[in-house]
Amino acid sequence: MDEGLQPGIDGCVYMAGPTFAHAAQFLQYQQDIERYDEVDHNGSKFRVPVPYEKQILYGLEIVRSMLNPALLHPSFDHVAEFFNEDTESFYYEGAIEPEWFILTTECDMNKVRADAN
């Protein structure tokens, strides 16, 4: 959080939305994970890989007006039919500074699982 969102090896930060559940859908396509739990969070269902490094997932809202529009692009790196119809995805060619996003969701997956059982 203090260092912002740093680009990966390809120089980009990937984002999805418009809600936390939309973004969480992308977790199901982690190649090195074999097992997933389906969870319900605020009325939206999504799959989460098990195990995962962190027990807490964070949702961030990016303040779009802070981004350089020339560096923000729609991302077509996924098959749209596998996601909720209104899912949007983007990539940003550079770092996203801490002042450019707001923590909106903190989802404790252990609590979500306990509530589901």
PDB file of N, CA and C in Angstrom:
ATOM      1  N   MET A   1       0.827  -1.186   0.000  1.00  0.00           N
ATOM      2  CA  MET A   1       0.000   0.000   0.000  1.00  0.00           C
ATOM      3  C   MET A   1       0.877   1.257   0.000  1.00  0.00           C
ATOM      4  N   ASP A   2       1.967   1.228   0.730  1.00  0.00           N
ATOM      5  CA  ASP A   2       2.831   2.406   0.825  1.00  0.00           C
ATOM      6  C   ASP A   2       3.577   2.692  -0.476  1.00  0.00           C
ATOM      7  N   GLU A   3       3.855   1.647  -1.248  1.00  0.00           N
ATOM      8  CA  GLU A   3       4.629   1.805  -2.482  1.00  0.00           C
ATOM      9  C   GLU A   3       3.753   1.893  -3.720  1.00  0.00           C
ATOM     10  N   GLY A   4       2.448   1.806  -3.561  1.00  0.00           N
ATOM     11  CA  GLY A   4       1.554   1.825  -4.717  1.00  0.00           C
ATOM     12  C   GLY A   4       1.487   0.471  -5.383  1.00  0.00           C
ATOM     13  N   LEU A   5       0.919   0.448  -6.563  1.00  0.00           N
ATOM     14  CA  LEU A   5       0.818  -0.779  -7.356  1.00  0.00           C
ATOM     15  C   LEU A   5       1.914  -0.742  -8.407  1.00  0.00           C
ATOM     16  N   GLN A   6       2.849  -1.659  -8.280  1.00  0.00           N
ATOM     17  CA  GLN A   6       4.002  -1.668  -9.167  1.00  0.00           C
ATOM     18  C   GLN A   6       3.746  -2.588 -10.361  1.00  0.00           C
ATOM     19  N   PRO A   7       4.210  -2.192 -11.537  1.00  0.00           N
ATOM     20  CA  PRO A   7       4.011  -3.020 -12.720  1.00  0.00           C
ATOM     21  C   PRO A   7       4.755  -4.339 -12.618  1.00  0.00           C
ATOM     22  N   GLY A   8       4.203  -5.328 -13.311  1.00  0.00           N
ATOM     23  CA  GLY A   8       4.847  -6.630 -13.381  1.00  0.00           C
ATOM     24  C   GLY A   8       5.963  -6.633 -14.402  1.00  0.00           C
ATOM     25  N   ILE A   9       6.423  -7.808 -14.741  1.00  0.00           N
ATOM     26  CA  ILE A   9       7.549  -7.962 -15.655  1.00  0.00           C
ATOM     27  C   ILE A   9       7.264  -7.350 -17.025  1.00  0.00           C
ATOM     28  N   ASP A  10       5.991  -7.263 -17.401  1.00  0.00           N
ATOM     29  CA  ASP A  10       5.628  -6.682 -18.695  1.00  0.00           C
ATOM     30  C   ASP A  10       5.445  -5.165 -18.630  1.00  0.00           C
ATOM     31  N   GLY A  11       5.687  -4.574 -17.463  1.00  0.00           N
ATOM     32  CA  GLY A  11       5.596  -3.126 -17.318  1.00  0.00           C
ATOM     33  C   GLY A  11       4.195  -2.601 -17.065  1.00  0.00           C
ATOM     34  N   CYS A  12       3.255  -3.502 -16.764  1.00  0.00           N
ATOM     35  CA  CYS A  12       1.856  -3.098 -16.619  1.00  0.00           C
ATOM     36  C   CYS A  12       1.259  -3.511 -15.277  1.00  0.00           C
ATOM     37  N   VAL A  13       0.263  -2.745 -14.846  1.00  0.00           N
ATOM     38  CA  VAL A  13      -0.594  -3.095 -13.722  1.00  0.00           C
ATOM     39  C   VAL A  13      -1.949  -3.439 -14.319  1.00  0.00           C
ATOM     40  N   TYR A  14      -2.499  -4.592 -13.955  1.00  0.00           N
ATOM     41  CA  TYR A  14      -3.785  -5.032 -14.485  1.00  0.00           C
ATOM     42  C   TYR A  14      -4.884  -4.761 -13.468  1.00  0.00           C
ATOM     43  N   MET A  15      -6.045  -4.356 -13.973  1.00  0.00           N
ATOM     44  CA  MET A  15      -7.178  -3.997 -13.117  1.00  0.00           C
ATOM     45  C   MET A  15      -8.449  -4.574 -13.721  1.00  0.00           C
ATOM     46  N   ALA A  16      -9.433  -4.823 -12.855  1.00  0.00           N
ATOM     47  CA  ALA A  16     -10.739  -5.289 -13.325  1.00  0.00           C
ATOM     48  C   ALA A  16     -11.812  -4.746 -12.406  1.00  0.00           C
ATOM     49  N   GLY A  17     -13.012  -4.690 -12.897  1.00  0.00           N
ATOM     50  CA  GLY A  17     -14.132  -4.166 -12.120  1.00  0.00           C
ATOM     51  C   GLY A  17     -15.404  -4.309 -12.914  1.00  0.00           C
ATOM     52  N   PRO A  18     -16.423  -3.607 -12.562  1.00  0.00           N
ATOM     53  CA  PRO A  18     -16.412  -2.418 -11.717  1.00  0.00           C
ATOM     54  C   PRO A  18     -16.499  -2.699 -10.219  1.00  0.00           C
ATOM     55  N   THR A  19     -16.710  -3.941  -9.794  1.00  0.00           N
ATOM     56  CA  THR A  19     -16.813  -4.241  -8.365  1.00  0.00           C
ATOM     57  C   THR A  19     -15.702  -5.198  -7.952  1.00  0.00           C
ATOM     58  N   PHE A  20     -15.573  -5.362  -6.658  1.00  0.00           N
ATOM     59  CA  PHE A  20     -14.609  -6.307  -6.105  1.00  0.00           C
ATOM     60  C   PHE A  20     -14.865  -7.722  -6.639  1.00  0.00           C
ATOM     61  N   ALA A  21     -16.120  -8.126  -6.702  1.00  0.00           N
ATOM     62  CA  ALA A  21     -16.450  -9.473  -7.188  1.00  0.00           C
ATOM     63  C   ALA A  21     -16.031  -9.658  -8.643  1.00  0.00           C
ATOM     64  N   HIS A  22     -16.158  -8.605  -9.452  1.00  0.00           N
ATOM     65  CA  HIS A  22     -15.699  -8.702 -10.842  1.00  0.00           C
ATOM     66  C   HIS A  22     -14.197  -8.961 -10.883  1.00  0.00           C
ATOM     67  N   ALA A  23     -13.453  -8.212 -10.107  1.00  0.00           N
ATOM     68  CA  ALA A  23     -11.996  -8.371 -10.088  1.00  0.00           C
ATOM     69  C   ALA A  23     -11.604  -9.739  -9.546  1.00  0.00           C
ATOM     70  N   ALA A  24     -12.310 -10.209  -8.520  1.00  0.00           N
ATOM     71  CA  ALA A  24     -11.977 -11.491  -7.897  1.00  0.00           C
ATOM     72  C   ALA A  24     -12.151 -12.662  -8.850  1.00  0.00           C
ATOM     73  N   GLN A  25     -12.979 -12.501  -9.878  1.00  0.00           N
ATOM     74  CA  GLN A  25     -13.154 -13.577 -10.859  1.00  0.00           C
ATOM     75  C   GLN A  25     -11.824 -13.992 -11.485  1.00  0.00           C
ATOM     76  N   PHE A  26     -10.911 -13.041 -11.631  1.00  0.00           N
ATOM     77  CA  PHE A  26      -9.639 -13.330 -12.287  1.00  0.00           C
ATOM     78  C   PHE A  26      -8.761 -14.253 -11.457  1.00  0.00           C
ATOM     79  N   LEU A  27      -9.009 -14.356 -10.162  1.00  0.00           N
ATOM     80  CA  LEU A  27      -8.220 -15.249  -9.314  1.00  0.00           C
ATOM     81  C   LEU A  27      -8.409 -16.711  -9.703  1.00  0.00           C
ATOM     82  N   GLN A  28      -9.562 -17.037 -10.275  1.00  0.00           N
ATOM     83  CA  GLN A  28      -9.828 -18.433 -10.608  1.00  0.00           C
ATOM     84  C   GLN A  28      -8.946 -18.948 -11.746  1.00  0.00           C
ATOM     85  N   TYR A  29      -8.250 -18.059 -12.423  1.00  0.00           N
ATOM     86  CA  TYR A  29      -7.432 -18.484 -13.558  1.00  0.00           C
ATOM     87  C   TYR A  29      -5.943 -18.525 -13.238  1.00  0.00           C
ATOM     88  N   GLN A  30      -5.611 -18.584 -11.963  1.00  0.00           N
ATOM     89  CA  GLN A  30      -4.217 -18.751 -11.576  1.00  0.00           C
ATOM     90  C   GLN A  30      -3.790 -20.154 -12.008  1.00  0.00           C
ATOM     91  N   GLN A  31      -2.745 -20.240 -12.803  1.00  0.00           N
ATOM     92  CA  GLN A  31      -2.337 -21.515 -13.395  1.00  0.00           C
ATOM     93  C   GLN A  31      -1.787 -22.529 -12.393  1.00  0.00           C
ATOM     94  N   ASP A  32      -1.223 -22.060 -11.290  1.00  0.00           N
ATOM     95  CA  ASP A  32      -0.568 -22.976 -10.365  1.00  0.00           C
ATOM     96  C   ASP A  32      -1.469 -23.426  -9.220  1.00  0.00           C
ATOM     97  N   ILE A  33      -2.732 -23.125  -9.279  1.00  0.00           N
ATOM     98  CA  ILE A  33      -3.674 -23.492  -8.229  1.00  0.00           C
ATOM     99  C   ILE A  33      -4.626 -24.548  -8.788  1.00  0.00           C
ATOM    100  N   GLU A  34      -4.861 -25.599  -8.018  1.00  0.00           N
ATOM    101  CA  GLU A  34      -5.717 -26.678  -8.507  1.00  0.00           C
ATOM    102  C   GLU A  34      -7.093 -26.708  -7.859  1.00  0.00           C
ATOM    103  N   ARG A  35      -7.263 -26.097  -6.691  1.00  0.00           N
ATOM    104  CA  ARG A  35      -8.533 -26.189  -5.967  1.00  0.00           C
ATOM    105  C   ARG A  35      -9.089 -24.797  -5.698  1.00  0.00           C
ATOM    106  N   TYR A  36     -10.404 -24.677  -5.802  1.00  0.00           N
ATOM    107  CA  TYR A  36     -11.072 -23.391  -5.615  1.00  0.00           C
ATOM    108  C   TYR A  36     -12.286 -23.557  -4.723  1.00  0.00           C
ATOM    109  N   ASP A  37     -12.600 -22.513  -3.987  1.00  0.00           N
ATOM    110  CA  ASP A  37     -13.839 -22.436  -3.227  1.00  0.00           C
ATOM    111  C   ASP A  37     -14.733 -21.407  -3.897  1.00  0.00           C
ATOM    112  N   GLU A  38     -16.020 -21.686  -3.962  1.00  0.00           N
ATOM    113  CA  GLU A  38     -16.965 -20.673  -4.416  1.00  0.00           C
ATOM    114  C   GLU A  38     -17.470 -19.952  -3.175  1.00  0.00           C
ATOM    115  N   VAL A  39     -17.375 -18.641  -3.171  1.00  0.00           N
ATOM    116  CA  VAL A  39     -17.785 -17.858  -2.009  1.00  0.00           C
ATOM    117  C   VAL A  39     -18.781 -16.788  -2.432  1.00  0.00           C
ATOM    118  N   ASP A  40     -19.559 -16.358  -1.458  1.00  0.00           N
ATOM    119  CA  ASP A  40     -20.524 -15.295  -1.664  1.00  0.00           C
ATOM    120  C   ASP A  40     -20.069 -14.109  -0.824  1.00  0.00           C
ATOM    121  N   HIS A  41     -19.897 -12.960  -1.463  1.00  0.00           N
ATOM    122  CA  HIS A  41     -19.475 -11.755  -0.755  1.00  0.00           C
ATOM    123  C   HIS A  41     -20.394 -10.618  -1.167  1.00  0.00           C
ATOM    124  N   ASN A  42     -21.152 -10.101  -0.215  1.00  0.00           N
ATOM    125  CA  ASN A  42     -22.095  -9.011  -0.476  1.00  0.00           C
ATOM    126  C   ASN A  42     -23.036  -9.324  -1.637  1.00  0.00           C
ATOM    127  N   GLY A  43     -23.485 -10.564  -1.710  1.00  0.00           N
ATOM    128  CA  GLY A  43     -24.459 -10.957  -2.717  1.00  0.00           C
ATOM    129  C   GLY A  43     -23.888 -11.361  -4.060  1.00  0.00           C
ATOM    130  N   SER A  44     -22.566 -11.318  -4.227  1.00  0.00           N
ATOM    131  CA  SER A  44     -21.934 -11.715  -5.486  1.00  0.00           C
ATOM    132  C   SER A  44     -21.125 -12.983  -5.252  1.00  0.00           C
ATOM    133  N   LYS A  45     -21.279 -13.962  -6.143  1.00  0.00           N
ATOM    134  CA  LYS A  45     -20.525 -15.211  -6.026  1.00  0.00           C
ATOM    135  C   LYS A  45     -19.290 -15.155  -6.908  1.00  0.00           C
ATOM    136  N   PHE A  46     -18.187 -15.688  -6.385  1.00  0.00           N
ATOM    137  CA  PHE A  46     -16.973 -15.795  -7.169  1.00  0.00           C
ATOM    138  C   PHE A  46     -16.130 -16.927  -6.621  1.00  0.00           C
ATOM    139  N   ARG A  47     -15.174 -17.372  -7.427  1.00  0.00           N
ATOM    140  CA  ARG A  47     -14.294 -18.467  -7.034  1.00  0.00           C
ATOM    141  C   ARG A  47     -12.978 -17.892  -6.541  1.00  0.00           C
ATOM    142  N   VAL A  48     -12.445 -18.505  -5.492  1.00  0.00           N
ATOM    143  CA  VAL A  48     -11.176 -18.074  -4.916  1.00  0.00           C
ATOM    144  C   VAL A  48     -10.271 -19.294  -4.825  1.00  0.00           C
ATOM    145  N   PRO A  49      -9.025 -19.161  -5.244  1.00  0.00           N
ATOM    146  CA  PRO A  49      -8.111 -20.301  -5.189  1.00  0.00           C
ATOM    147  C   PRO A  49      -7.776 -20.694  -3.755  1.00  0.00           C
ATOM    148  N   VAL A  50      -7.575 -22.007  -3.558  1.00  0.00           N
ATOM    149  CA  VAL A  50      -7.171 -22.554  -2.267  1.00  0.00           C
ATOM    150  C   VAL A  50      -5.998 -23.484  -2.543  1.00  0.00           C
ATOM    151  N   PRO A  51      -4.880 -23.402  -1.908  1.00  0.00           N
ATOM    152  CA  PRO A  51      -4.569 -22.352  -0.947  1.00  0.00           C
ATOM    153  C   PRO A  51      -4.142 -21.084  -1.667  1.00  0.00           C
ATOM    154  N   TYR A  52      -4.122 -20.017  -0.945  1.00  0.00           N
ATOM    155  CA  TYR A  52      -3.637 -18.747  -1.465  1.00  0.00           C
ATOM    156  C   TYR A  52      -2.707 -18.174  -0.411  1.00  0.00           C
ATOM    157  N   GLU A  53      -1.797 -17.357  -0.859  1.00  0.00           N
ATOM    158  CA  GLU A  53      -0.762 -16.856   0.045  1.00  0.00           C
ATOM    159  C   GLU A  53      -1.347 -16.068   1.210  1.00  0.00           C
ATOM    160  N   LYS A  54      -2.269 -15.209   0.934  1.00  0.00           N
ATOM    161  CA  LYS A  54      -2.841 -14.344   1.961  1.00  0.00           C
ATOM    162  C   LYS A  54      -4.250 -14.805   2.295  1.00  0.00           C
ATOM    163  N   GLN A  55      -4.633 -14.657   3.517  1.00  0.00           N
ATOM    164  CA  GLN A  55      -5.983 -15.017   3.931  1.00  0.00           C
ATOM    165  C   GLN A  55      -6.946 -13.848   3.762  1.00  0.00           C
ATOM    166  N   ILE A  56      -6.421 -12.682   3.420  1.00  0.00           N
ATOM    167  CA  ILE A  56      -7.251 -11.501   3.239  1.00  0.00           C
ATOM    168  C   ILE A  56      -7.055 -10.985   1.818  1.00  0.00           C
ATOM    169  N   LEU A  57      -8.164 -10.771   1.128  1.00  0.00           N
ATOM    170  CA  LEU A  57      -8.126 -10.173  -0.202  1.00  0.00           C
ATOM    171  C   LEU A  57      -8.529  -8.709  -0.067  1.00  0.00           C
ATOM    172  N   TYR A  58      -7.854  -7.856  -0.797  1.00  0.00           N
ATOM    173  CA  TYR A  58      -8.126  -6.425  -0.736  1.00  0.00           C
ATOM    174  C   TYR A  58      -8.662  -5.942  -2.071  1.00  0.00           C
ATOM    175  N   GLY A  59      -9.696  -5.143  -2.023  1.00  0.00           N
ATOM    176  CA  GLY A  59     -10.241  -4.505  -3.218  1.00  0.00           C
ATOM    177  C   GLY A  59      -9.894  -3.026  -3.180  1.00  0.00           C
ATOM    178  N   LEU A  60      -9.393  -2.536  -4.291  1.00  0.00           N
ATOM    179  CA  LEU A  60      -8.988  -1.141  -4.373  1.00  0.00           C
ATOM    180  C   LEU A  60      -9.793  -0.436  -5.459  1.00  0.00           C
ATOM    181  N   GLU A  61     -10.194   0.771  -5.188  1.00  0.00           N
ATOM    182  CA  GLU A  61     -10.817   1.603  -6.210  1.00  0.00           C
ATOM    183  C   GLU A  61      -9.752   2.558  -6.732  1.00  0.00           C
ATOM    184  N   ILE A  62      -9.522   2.507  -8.024  1.00  0.00           N
ATOM    185  CA  ILE A  62      -8.538   3.385  -8.646  1.00  0.00           C
ATOM    186  C   ILE A  62      -9.240   4.701  -8.991  1.00  0.00           C
ATOM    187  N   VAL A  63      -8.623   5.805  -8.642  1.00  0.00           N
ATOM    188  CA  VAL A  63      -9.158   7.122  -8.992  1.00  0.00           C
ATOM    189  C   VAL A  63      -8.715   7.389 -10.428  1.00  0.00           C
ATOM    190  N   ARG A  64      -9.599   7.090 -11.341  1.00  0.00           N
ATOM    191  CA  ARG A  64      -9.258   7.101 -12.765  1.00  0.00           C
ATOM    192  C   ARG A  64      -8.745   8.466 -13.232  1.00  0.00           C
ATOM    193  N   SER A  65      -9.256   9.530 -12.665  1.00  0.00           N
ATOM    194  CA  SER A  65      -8.833  10.870 -13.091  1.00  0.00           C
ATOM    195  C   SER A  65      -7.358  11.134 -12.769  1.00  0.00           C
ATOM    196  N   MET A  66      -6.771  10.335 -11.886  1.00  0.00           N
ATOM    197  CA  MET A  66      -5.358  10.498 -11.538  1.00  0.00           C
ATOM    198  C   MET A  66      -4.434   9.800 -12.547  1.00  0.00           C
ATOM    199  N   LEU A  67      -4.991   8.864 -13.310  1.00  0.00           N
ATOM    200  CA  LEU A  67      -4.180   8.109 -14.255  1.00  0.00           C
ATOM    201  C   LEU A  67      -3.932   8.911 -15.527  1.00  0.00           C
ATOM    202  N   ASN A  68      -2.802   8.659 -16.150  1.00  0.00           N
ATOM    203  CA  ASN A  68      -2.500   9.249 -17.451  1.00  0.00           C
ATOM    204  C   ASN A  68      -3.305   8.462 -18.491  1.00  0.00           C
ATOM    205  N   PRO A  69      -4.278   9.085 -19.156  1.00  0.00           N
ATOM    206  CA  PRO A  69      -5.130   8.351 -20.104  1.00  0.00           C
ATOM    207  C   PRO A  69      -4.348   7.685 -21.236  1.00  0.00           C
ATOM    208  N   ALA A  70      -3.206   8.228 -21.595  1.00  0.00           N
ATOM    209  CA  ALA A  70      -2.402   7.629 -22.666  1.00  0.00           C
ATOM    210  C   ALA A  70      -1.792   6.293 -22.253  1.00  0.00           C
ATOM    211  N   LEU A  71      -1.730   6.034 -20.940  1.00  0.00           N
ATOM    212  CA  LEU A  71      -1.138   4.790 -20.430  1.00  0.00           C
ATOM    213  C   LEU A  71      -2.179   3.751 -20.028  1.00  0.00           C
ATOM    214  N   LEU A  72      -3.453   4.113 -20.082  1.00  0.00           N
ATOM    215  CA  LEU A  72      -4.545   3.216 -19.681  1.00  0.00           C
ATOM    216  C   LEU A  72      -5.194   2.623 -20.925  1.00  0.00           C
ATOM    217  N   HIS A  73      -5.311   1.290 -20.944  1.00  0.00           N
ATOM    218  CA  HIS A  73      -5.832   0.595 -22.130  1.00  0.00           C
ATOM    219  C   HIS A  73      -6.798  -0.514 -21.718  1.00  0.00           C
ATOM    220  N   PRO A  74      -7.820  -0.763 -22.527  1.00  0.00           N
ATOM    221  CA  PRO A  74      -8.663  -1.938 -22.274  1.00  0.00           C
ATOM    222  C   PRO A  74      -7.806  -3.194 -22.418  1.00  0.00           C
ATOM    223  N   SER A  75      -8.051  -4.158 -21.572  1.00  0.00           N
ATOM    224  CA  SER A  75      -7.300  -5.410 -21.618  1.00  0.00           C
ATOM    225  C   SER A  75      -8.172  -6.484 -22.258  1.00  0.00           C
ATOM    226  N   PHE A  76      -7.632  -7.107 -23.255  1.00  0.00           N
ATOM    227  CA  PHE A  76      -8.348  -8.184 -23.937  1.00  0.00           C
ATOM    228  C   PHE A  76      -7.610  -9.501 -23.728  1.00  0.00           C
ATOM    229  N   ASP A  77      -7.046  -9.677 -22.519  1.00  0.00           N
ATOM    230  CA  ASP A  77      -6.229 -10.849 -22.224  1.00  0.00           C
ATOM    231  C   ASP A  77      -7.026 -11.997 -21.629  1.00  0.00           C
ATOM    232  N   HIS A  78      -8.349 -11.953 -21.768  1.00  0.00           N
ATOM    233  CA  HIS A  78      -9.185 -13.007 -21.210  1.00  0.00           C
ATOM    234  C   HIS A  78     -10.354 -13.271 -22.154  1.00  0.00           C
ATOM    235  N   VAL A  79     -10.987 -14.418 -21.975  1.00  0.00           N
ATOM    236  CA  VAL A  79     -12.153 -14.775 -22.775  1.00  0.00           C
ATOM    237  C   VAL A  79     -13.381 -14.237 -22.050  1.00  0.00           C
ATOM    238  N   ALA A  80     -14.003 -13.242 -22.628  1.00  0.00           N
ATOM    239  CA  ALA A  80     -15.112 -12.530 -21.977  1.00  0.00           C
ATOM    240  C   ALA A  80     -16.257 -13.456 -21.583  1.00  0.00           C
ATOM    241  N   GLU A  81     -16.485 -14.519 -22.327  1.00  0.00           N
ATOM    242  CA  GLU A  81     -17.600 -15.429 -22.042  1.00  0.00           C
ATOM    243  C   GLU A  81     -17.471 -16.145 -20.697  1.00  0.00           C
ATOM    244  N   PHE A  82     -16.261 -16.193 -20.132  1.00  0.00           N
ATOM    245  CA  PHE A  82     -16.041 -16.864 -18.851  1.00  0.00           C
ATOM    246  C   PHE A  82     -16.272 -15.953 -17.653  1.00  0.00           C
ATOM    247  N   PHE A  83     -16.597 -14.698 -17.898  1.00  0.00           N
ATOM    248  CA  PHE A  83     -16.755 -13.711 -16.836  1.00  0.00           C
ATOM    249  C   PHE A  83     -18.162 -13.135 -16.850  1.00  0.00           C
ATOM    250  N   ASN A  84     -18.557 -12.516 -15.742  1.00  0.00           N
ATOM    251  CA  ASN A  84     -19.838 -11.828 -15.726  1.00  0.00           C
ATOM    252  C   ASN A  84     -19.874 -10.845 -16.885  1.00  0.00           C
ATOM    253  N   GLU A  85     -21.053 -10.700 -17.469  1.00  0.00           N
ATOM    254  CA  GLU A  85     -21.217  -9.915 -18.690  1.00  0.00           C
ATOM    255  C   GLU A  85     -20.673  -8.486 -18.587  1.00  0.00           C
ATOM    256  N   ASP A  86     -20.830  -7.861 -17.439  1.00  0.00           N
ATOM    257  CA  ASP A  86     -20.433  -6.467 -17.296  1.00  0.00           C
ATOM    258  C   ASP A  86     -19.015  -6.283 -16.738  1.00  0.00           C
ATOM    259  N   THR A  87     -18.206  -7.334 -16.769  1.00  0.00           N
ATOM    260  CA  THR A  87     -16.826  -7.245 -16.286  1.00  0.00           C
ATOM    261  C   THR A  87     -15.995  -6.386 -17.236  1.00  0.00           C
ATOM    262  N   GLU A  88     -15.236  -5.491 -16.649  1.00  0.00           N
ATOM    263  CA  GLU A  88     -14.320  -4.639 -17.408  1.00  0.00           C
ATOM    264  C   GLU A  88     -12.900  -4.941 -16.957  1.00  0.00           C
ATOM    265  N   SER A  89     -11.954  -4.871 -17.879  1.00  0.00           N
ATOM    266  CA  SER A  89     -10.556  -5.069 -17.496  1.00  0.00           C
ATOM    267  C   SER A  89      -9.679  -4.091 -18.267  1.00  0.00           C
ATOM    268  N   PHE A  90      -8.621  -3.654 -17.592  1.00  0.00           N
ATOM    269  CA  PHE A  90      -7.715  -2.657 -18.146  1.00  0.00           C
ATOM    270  C   PHE A  90      -6.293  -2.985 -17.746  1.00  0.00           C
ATOM    271  N   TYR A  91      -5.356  -2.400 -18.444  1.00  0.00           N
ATOM    272  CA  TYR A  91      -3.975  -2.416 -17.992  1.00  0.00           C
ATOM    273  C   TYR A  91      -3.425  -1.002 -18.068  1.00  0.00           C
ATOM    274  N   TYR A  92      -2.498  -0.721 -17.168  1.00  0.00           N
ATOM    275  CA  TYR A  92      -1.886   0.599 -17.068  1.00  0.00           C
ATOM    276  C   TYR A  92      -0.390   0.426 -17.234  1.00  0.00           C
ATOM    277  N   GLU A  93       0.203   1.160 -18.150  1.00  0.00           N
ATOM    278  CA  GLU A  93       1.625   1.038 -18.445  1.00  0.00           C
ATOM    279  C   GLU A  93       2.456   1.894 -17.496  1.00  0.00           C
ATOM    280  N   GLY A  94       2.583   1.432 -16.273  1.00  0.00           N
ATOM    281  CA  GLY A  94       3.358   2.143 -15.278  1.00  0.00           C
ATOM    282  C   GLY A  94       2.844   1.873 -13.890  1.00  0.00           C
ATOM    283  N   ALA A  95       3.458   2.508 -12.921  1.00  0.00           N
ATOM    284  CA  ALA A  95       3.065   2.338 -11.516  1.00  0.00           C
ATOM    285  C   ALA A  95       1.820   3.169 -11.226  1.00  0.00           C
ATOM    286  N   ILE A  96       1.060   2.712 -10.236  1.00  0.00           N
ATOM    287  CA  ILE A  96      -0.101   3.450  -9.745  1.00  0.00           C
ATOM    288  C   ILE A  96       0.243   3.884  -8.324  1.00  0.00           C
ATOM    289  N   GLU A  97       0.395   5.168  -8.155  1.00  0.00           N
ATOM    290  CA  GLU A  97       0.837   5.741  -6.890  1.00  0.00           C
ATOM    291  C   GLU A  97      -0.197   5.517  -5.781  1.00  0.00           C
ATOM    292  N   PRO A  98       0.253   5.435  -4.514  1.00  0.00           N
ATOM    293  CA  PRO A  98      -0.673   5.194  -3.398  1.00  0.00           C
ATOM    294  C   PRO A  98      -1.799   6.222  -3.303  1.00  0.00           C
ATOM    295  N   GLU A  99      -1.544   7.442  -3.722  1.00  0.00           N
ATOM    296  CA  GLU A  99      -2.570   8.484  -3.655  1.00  0.00           C
ATOM    297  C   GLU A  99      -3.648   8.310  -4.717  1.00  0.00           C
ATOM    298  N   TRP A 100      -3.444   7.377  -5.642  1.00  0.00           N
ATOM    299  CA  TRP A 100      -4.356   7.191  -6.765  1.00  0.00           C
ATOM    300  C   TRP A 100      -5.373   6.085  -6.519  1.00  0.00           C
ATOM    301  N   PHE A 101      -5.353   5.448  -5.360  1.00  0.00           N
ATOM    302  CA  PHE A 101      -6.341   4.401  -5.081  1.00  0.00           C
ATOM    303  C   PHE A 101      -6.816   4.469  -3.643  1.00  0.00           C
ATOM    304  N   ILE A 102      -7.982   3.861  -3.435  1.00  0.00           N
ATOM    305  CA  ILE A 102      -8.636   3.841  -2.126  1.00  0.00           C
ATOM    306  C   ILE A 102      -8.961   2.385  -1.800  1.00  0.00           C
ATOM    307  N   LEU A 103      -8.619   1.952  -0.601  1.00  0.00           N
ATOM    308  CA  LEU A 103      -8.996   0.620  -0.145  1.00  0.00           C
ATOM    309  C   LEU A 103     -10.505   0.606   0.097  1.00  0.00           C
ATOM    310  N   THR A 104     -11.241  -0.234  -0.639  1.00  0.00           N
ATOM    311  CA  THR A 104     -12.700  -0.279  -0.513  1.00  0.00           C
ATOM    312  C   THR A 104     -13.207  -1.584   0.091  1.00  0.00           C
ATOM    313  N   THR A 105     -12.433  -2.647  -0.046  1.00  0.00           N
ATOM    314  CA  THR A 105     -12.881  -3.961   0.429  1.00  0.00           C
ATOM    315  C   THR A 105     -11.743  -4.701   1.086  1.00  0.00           C
ATOM    316  N   GLU A 106     -12.036  -5.269   2.242  1.00  0.00           N
ATOM    317  CA  GLU A 106     -11.100  -6.151   2.917  1.00  0.00           C
ATOM    318  C   GLU A 106     -11.882  -7.412   3.212  1.00  0.00           C
ATOM    319  N   CYS A 107     -11.548  -8.472   2.512  1.00  0.00           N
ATOM    320  CA  CYS A 107     -12.332  -9.707   2.577  1.00  0.00           C
ATOM    321  C   CYS A 107     -11.512 -10.799   3.251  1.00  0.00           C
ATOM    322  N   ASP A 108     -11.852 -11.122   4.485  1.00  0.00           N
ATOM    323  CA  ASP A 108     -11.182 -12.183   5.236  1.00  0.00           C
ATOM    324  C   ASP A 108     -11.768 -13.516   4.771  1.00  0.00           C
ATOM    325  N   MET A 109     -11.000 -14.262   3.998  1.00  0.00           N
ATOM    326  CA  MET A 109     -11.513 -15.494   3.394  1.00  0.00           C
ATOM    327  C   MET A 109     -11.823 -16.567   4.434  1.00  0.00           C
ATOM    328  N   ASN A 110     -11.139 -16.586   5.550  1.00  0.00           N
ATOM    329  CA  ASN A 110     -11.476 -17.556   6.595  1.00  0.00           C
ATOM    330  C   ASN A 110     -12.876 -17.276   7.141  1.00  0.00           C
ATOM    331  N   LYS A 111     -13.218 -16.008   7.316  1.00  0.00           N
ATOM    332  CA  LYS A 111     -14.556 -15.641   7.807  1.00  0.00           C
ATOM    333  C   LYS A 111     -15.616 -15.954   6.746  1.00  0.00           C
ATOM    334  N   VAL A 112     -15.305 -15.664   5.483  1.00  0.00           N
ATOM    335  CA  VAL A 112     -16.266 -15.960   4.405  1.00  0.00           C
ATOM    336  C   VAL A 112     -16.567 -17.450   4.373  1.00  0.00           C
ATOM    337  N   ARG A 113     -15.534 -18.278   4.499  1.00  0.00           N
ATOM    338  CA  ARG A 113     -15.723 -19.732   4.492  1.00  0.00           C
ATOM    339  C   ARG A 113     -16.538 -20.188   5.699  1.00  0.00           C
ATOM    340  N   ALA A 114     -16.230 -19.642   6.864  1.00  0.00           N
ATOM    341  CA  ALA A 114     -16.950 -20.015   8.084  1.00  0.00           C
ATOM    342  C   ALA A 114     -18.422 -19.630   7.976  1.00  0.00           C
ATOM    343  N   ASP A 115     -18.709 -18.460   7.420  1.00  0.00           N
ATOM    344  CA  ASP A 115     -20.098 -18.007   7.250  1.00  0.00           C
ATOM    345  C   ASP A 115     -20.853 -18.867   6.237  1.00  0.00           C
ATOM    346  N   ALA A 116     -20.126 -19.412   5.249  1.00  0.00           N
ATOM    347  CA  ALA A 116     -20.762 -20.226   4.212  1.00  0.00           C
ATOM    348  C   ALA A 116     -21.120 -21.621   4.740  1.00  0.00           C
ATOM    349  N   ASN A 117     -20.423 -22.059   5.768  1.00  0.00           N
ATOM    350  CA  ASN A 117     -20.661 -23.417   6.293  1.00  0.00           C
ATOM    351  C   ASN A 117     -21.645 -23.400   7.385  1.00  0.00           C
TER     352      ASN A 117
END
